[in-house]
């Protein structure tokens, strides 16, 4: 029996997935949670074998939640379901030991098969997203440049980016200029758009 927990802050979607998987003879939906924080408190006692986690949650994001759950529950397999399927998220998930990554618009039979495959120890990734990730290639930005561009994505002024990144304002400007040059962008806003489109922002 595959004992599943669901972590999704959208009640309707979470209930629909629970209802669908609950129809399977070999799947037991052991728990449903609205946040990563709630799941971390209550899920270990349920002894789940697989956690299905939404990427975008109110507090901790889905990838951080999945990582923390794997630390707390020995042998737990995890998979991400998301409406925000971008290459950068997939790379981060796979490098963190998460075994599955599917869009929320996946067919019911594909989700059921993915659950069983991940529970058996296989990796399952949406083919379209995998192709996009290969096409996007590796980011030319350094980790620090990526951090600064990520902060710039929220429209923060240089002073705020510097404070949040613990850098001098001049250093932030240098990182942004370097990122713009590498990405062939005219300004930081275009650099953000290019990096986002390529899936290079987390």
Protein backbone atom coordinates (compact mmCIF):
# COMPACT_ATOMS: atom_id res chain seq x y z
CA UNK A 1 0.00 0.00 0.00
CA UNK A 2 1.27 3.46 -0.95
CA UNK A 3 0.59 5.86 1.92
CA UNK A 4 0.32 9.38 0.53
CA UNK A 5 0.17 12.83 2.06
CA UNK A 6 -0.93 15.87 0.05
CA UNK A 7 0.37 19.38 0.70
CA UNK A 8 -1.53 22.07 -1.23
CA UNK A 9 -3.04 25.34 -0.07
CA UNK A 10 -5.78 25.19 -2.72
CA UNK A 11 -8.49 23.18 -0.98
CA UNK A 12 -10.49 22.33 -4.10
CA UNK A 13 -7.48 20.98 -5.99
CA UNK A 14 -6.19 19.10 -2.95
CA UNK A 15 -9.59 17.47 -2.40
CA UNK A 16 -9.89 16.54 -6.07
CA UNK A 17 -6.49 14.85 -6.07
CA UNK A 18 -7.30 13.06 -2.81
CA UNK A 19 -10.59 11.86 -4.25
CA UNK A 20 -8.97 10.63 -7.44
CA UNK A 21 -6.11 8.77 -5.77
CA UNK A 22 -8.39 7.44 -3.04
CA UNK A 23 -10.20 5.38 -5.69
CA UNK A 24 -7.09 3.28 -6.27
CA UNK A 25 -6.90 -0.01 -4.35
CA UNK A 26 -3.16 0.30 -3.72
CA UNK A 27 -3.18 3.95 -2.58
CA UNK A 28 -4.13 5.30 0.83
CA UNK A 29 -4.39 9.08 1.23
CA UNK A 30 -3.19 9.28 4.82
CA UNK A 31 -3.27 13.06 5.28
CA UNK A 32 -3.96 16.44 3.68
CA UNK A 33 -2.21 19.67 4.66
CA UNK A 34 -2.54 23.32 3.68
CA UNK A 35 1.07 24.30 4.30
CA UNK A 36 4.56 22.94 4.57
CA UNK A 37 4.72 23.99 8.19
CA UNK A 38 1.58 22.02 9.03
CA UNK A 39 2.81 18.97 7.15
CA UNK A 40 6.15 19.00 8.96
CA UNK A 41 4.39 18.99 12.34
CA UNK A 42 1.83 16.29 11.63
CA UNK A 43 2.93 14.13 8.71
CA UNK A 44 5.77 12.12 10.31
CA UNK A 45 3.33 10.40 12.68
CA UNK A 46 1.34 9.17 9.66
CA UNK A 47 4.39 7.29 8.31
CA UNK A 48 3.77 8.22 4.66
CA UNK A 49 5.71 6.61 1.83
CA UNK A 50 5.06 9.43 -0.67
CA UNK A 51 4.40 13.17 -0.37
CA UNK A 52 2.77 15.09 -3.23
CA UNK A 53 3.53 18.76 -2.74
CA UNK A 54 2.34 21.91 -4.53
CA UNK A 55 5.23 24.13 -5.61
CA UNK A 56 3.67 27.45 -4.57
CA UNK A 57 2.60 27.41 -0.93
CA UNK A 58 1.79 30.28 1.41
CA UNK A 59 4.85 29.89 3.66
CA UNK A 60 7.68 27.50 2.81
CA UNK A 61 7.68 26.71 -0.87
CA UNK A 62 7.04 23.19 -2.12
CA UNK A 63 10.65 22.28 -2.79
CA UNK A 64 11.81 23.36 0.68
CA UNK A 65 8.83 21.50 2.15
CA UNK A 66 9.68 18.31 0.27
CA UNK A 67 13.33 18.50 1.36
CA UNK A 68 12.35 19.01 5.00
CA UNK A 69 9.85 16.14 4.86
CA UNK A 70 12.49 13.80 3.43
CA UNK A 71 14.75 14.74 6.33
CA UNK A 72 12.00 13.98 8.88
CA UNK A 73 10.58 10.80 7.32
CA UNK A 74 13.25 8.21 6.41
CA UNK A 75 12.74 6.70 2.97
CA UNK A 76 10.00 9.15 1.99
CA UNK A 77 9.61 9.75 -1.75
CA UNK A 78 8.42 13.16 -2.91
CA UNK A 79 6.94 14.67 -6.03
CA UNK A 80 5.95 18.18 -7.03
CA UNK A 81 2.66 19.12 -8.70
CA UNK A 82 2.55 22.67 -10.01
CA UNK A 83 0.91 25.25 -12.23
CA UNK A 84 4.31 27.00 -12.43
CA UNK A 85 6.33 24.41 -14.32
CA UNK A 86 9.56 26.16 -15.33
CA UNK A 87 13.01 24.68 -16.01
CA UNK A 88 14.63 26.46 -13.06
CA UNK A 89 12.20 24.86 -10.61
CA UNK A 90 12.70 21.42 -12.16
CA UNK A 91 16.49 21.66 -11.90
CA UNK A 92 16.25 22.74 -8.28
CA UNK A 93 13.82 19.94 -7.44
CA UNK A 94 15.85 17.18 -9.06
CA UNK A 95 19.11 18.39 -7.53
CA UNK A 96 17.37 18.26 -4.12
CA UNK A 97 16.43 14.59 -4.42
CA UNK A 98 12.77 15.07 -5.35
CA UNK A 99 11.66 12.18 -7.56
CA UNK A 100 8.70 13.53 -9.52
CA UNK A 101 7.70 16.78 -11.18
CA UNK A 102 4.37 17.12 -12.98
CA UNK A 103 2.09 19.99 -14.05
CA UNK A 104 -1.32 20.18 -12.40
CA UNK A 105 -2.98 19.81 -15.79
CA UNK A 106 -1.56 16.29 -16.19
CA UNK A 107 -4.02 13.59 -17.20
CA UNK A 108 -5.45 11.53 -14.33
CA UNK A 109 -3.91 8.31 -15.63
CA UNK A 110 -0.50 10.01 -15.91
CA UNK A 111 -0.72 11.14 -12.28
CA UNK A 112 -1.71 7.66 -11.10
CA UNK A 113 1.16 6.06 -13.03
CA UNK A 114 3.61 8.69 -11.74
CA UNK A 115 2.57 8.03 -8.14
CA UNK A 116 3.20 4.30 -8.51
CA UNK A 117 6.49 4.79 -10.38
CA UNK A 118 7.85 7.30 -7.84
CA UNK A 119 6.78 5.06 -4.96
CA UNK A 120 8.77 2.23 -6.58
CA UNK A 121 11.87 4.42 -6.74
CA UNK A 122 11.72 5.77 -10.29
CA UNK A 123 12.04 9.39 -11.35
CA UNK A 124 9.12 10.88 -13.26
CA UNK A 125 9.30 14.21 -15.06
CA UNK A 126 6.78 15.77 -17.45
CA UNK A 127 8.28 15.23 -20.95
CA UNK A 128 7.45 18.75 -22.15
CA UNK A 129 9.13 20.35 -19.17
CA UNK A 130 12.15 18.08 -19.51
CA UNK A 131 12.52 19.18 -23.15
CA UNK A 132 12.22 22.85 -22.18
CA UNK A 133 14.88 22.38 -19.52
CA UNK A 134 17.32 20.81 -21.96
CA UNK A 135 16.64 23.57 -24.50
CA UNK A 136 17.18 26.30 -21.89
CA UNK A 137 20.67 25.00 -21.08
CA UNK A 138 22.66 26.09 -18.07
CA UNK A 139 22.49 29.63 -16.80
CA UNK A 140 25.52 31.82 -17.61
CA UNK A 141 24.95 33.74 -14.37
CA UNK A 142 26.96 33.14 -11.23
CA UNK A 143 24.98 32.26 -8.07
CA UNK A 144 25.49 35.82 -6.74
CA UNK A 145 24.32 37.37 -10.03
CA UNK A 146 21.29 35.10 -9.95
CA UNK A 147 20.48 36.20 -6.40
CA UNK A 148 20.65 39.86 -7.36
CA UNK A 149 18.56 39.42 -10.51
CA UNK A 150 16.03 37.43 -8.48
CA UNK A 151 15.72 40.31 -6.02
CA UNK A 152 15.45 42.77 -8.91
CA UNK A 153 12.56 40.70 -10.27
CA UNK A 154 10.36 42.05 -7.49
CA UNK A 155 11.02 45.64 -8.54
CA UNK A 156 13.11 46.49 -5.48
CA UNK A 157 15.36 49.54 -5.71
CA UNK A 158 19.15 49.10 -5.59
CA UNK A 159 19.31 50.08 -1.90
CA UNK A 160 16.79 47.38 -0.93
CA UNK A 161 18.53 44.74 -3.05
CA UNK A 162 21.85 45.65 -1.41
CA UNK A 163 20.36 45.38 2.06
CA UNK A 164 18.66 42.05 1.43
CA UNK A 165 21.69 40.57 -0.33
CA UNK A 166 24.12 41.99 2.29
CA UNK A 167 26.10 43.75 -0.41
CA UNK A 168 27.24 47.29 -1.11
CA UNK A 169 25.08 49.23 -3.57
CA UNK A 170 28.00 49.54 -5.99
CA UNK A 171 28.48 45.77 -5.90
CA UNK A 172 24.79 45.23 -6.68
CA UNK A 173 25.09 47.58 -9.68
CA UNK A 174 28.17 45.65 -10.87
CA UNK A 175 26.36 42.31 -10.59
CA UNK A 176 23.33 43.66 -12.45
CA UNK A 177 25.53 45.14 -15.20
CA UNK A 178 27.37 41.83 -15.55
CA UNK A 179 24.09 39.90 -15.72
CA UNK A 180 22.70 42.28 -18.34
CA UNK A 181 25.84 41.84 -20.45
CA UNK A 182 25.76 38.04 -20.21
CA UNK A 183 22.06 37.91 -21.08
CA UNK A 184 22.23 40.52 -23.84
CA UNK A 185 19.69 42.67 -21.99
CA UNK A 186 19.29 46.45 -22.34
CA UNK A 187 18.37 46.93 -18.68
CA UNK A 188 17.75 44.99 -15.49
CA UNK A 189 14.05 44.55 -16.22
CA UNK A 190 14.85 42.88 -19.55
CA UNK A 191 17.50 40.76 -17.80
CA UNK A 192 14.81 39.56 -15.38
CA UNK A 193 12.45 38.73 -18.25
CA UNK A 194 15.13 36.77 -20.13
CA UNK A 195 16.23 34.84 -17.03
CA UNK A 196 12.63 34.04 -16.15
CA UNK A 197 11.80 32.86 -19.68
CA UNK A 198 14.80 30.53 -19.60
CA UNK A 199 13.80 29.19 -16.19
CA UNK A 200 17.03 30.39 -14.59
CA UNK A 201 15.36 32.08 -11.65
CA UNK A 202 14.38 29.77 -8.79
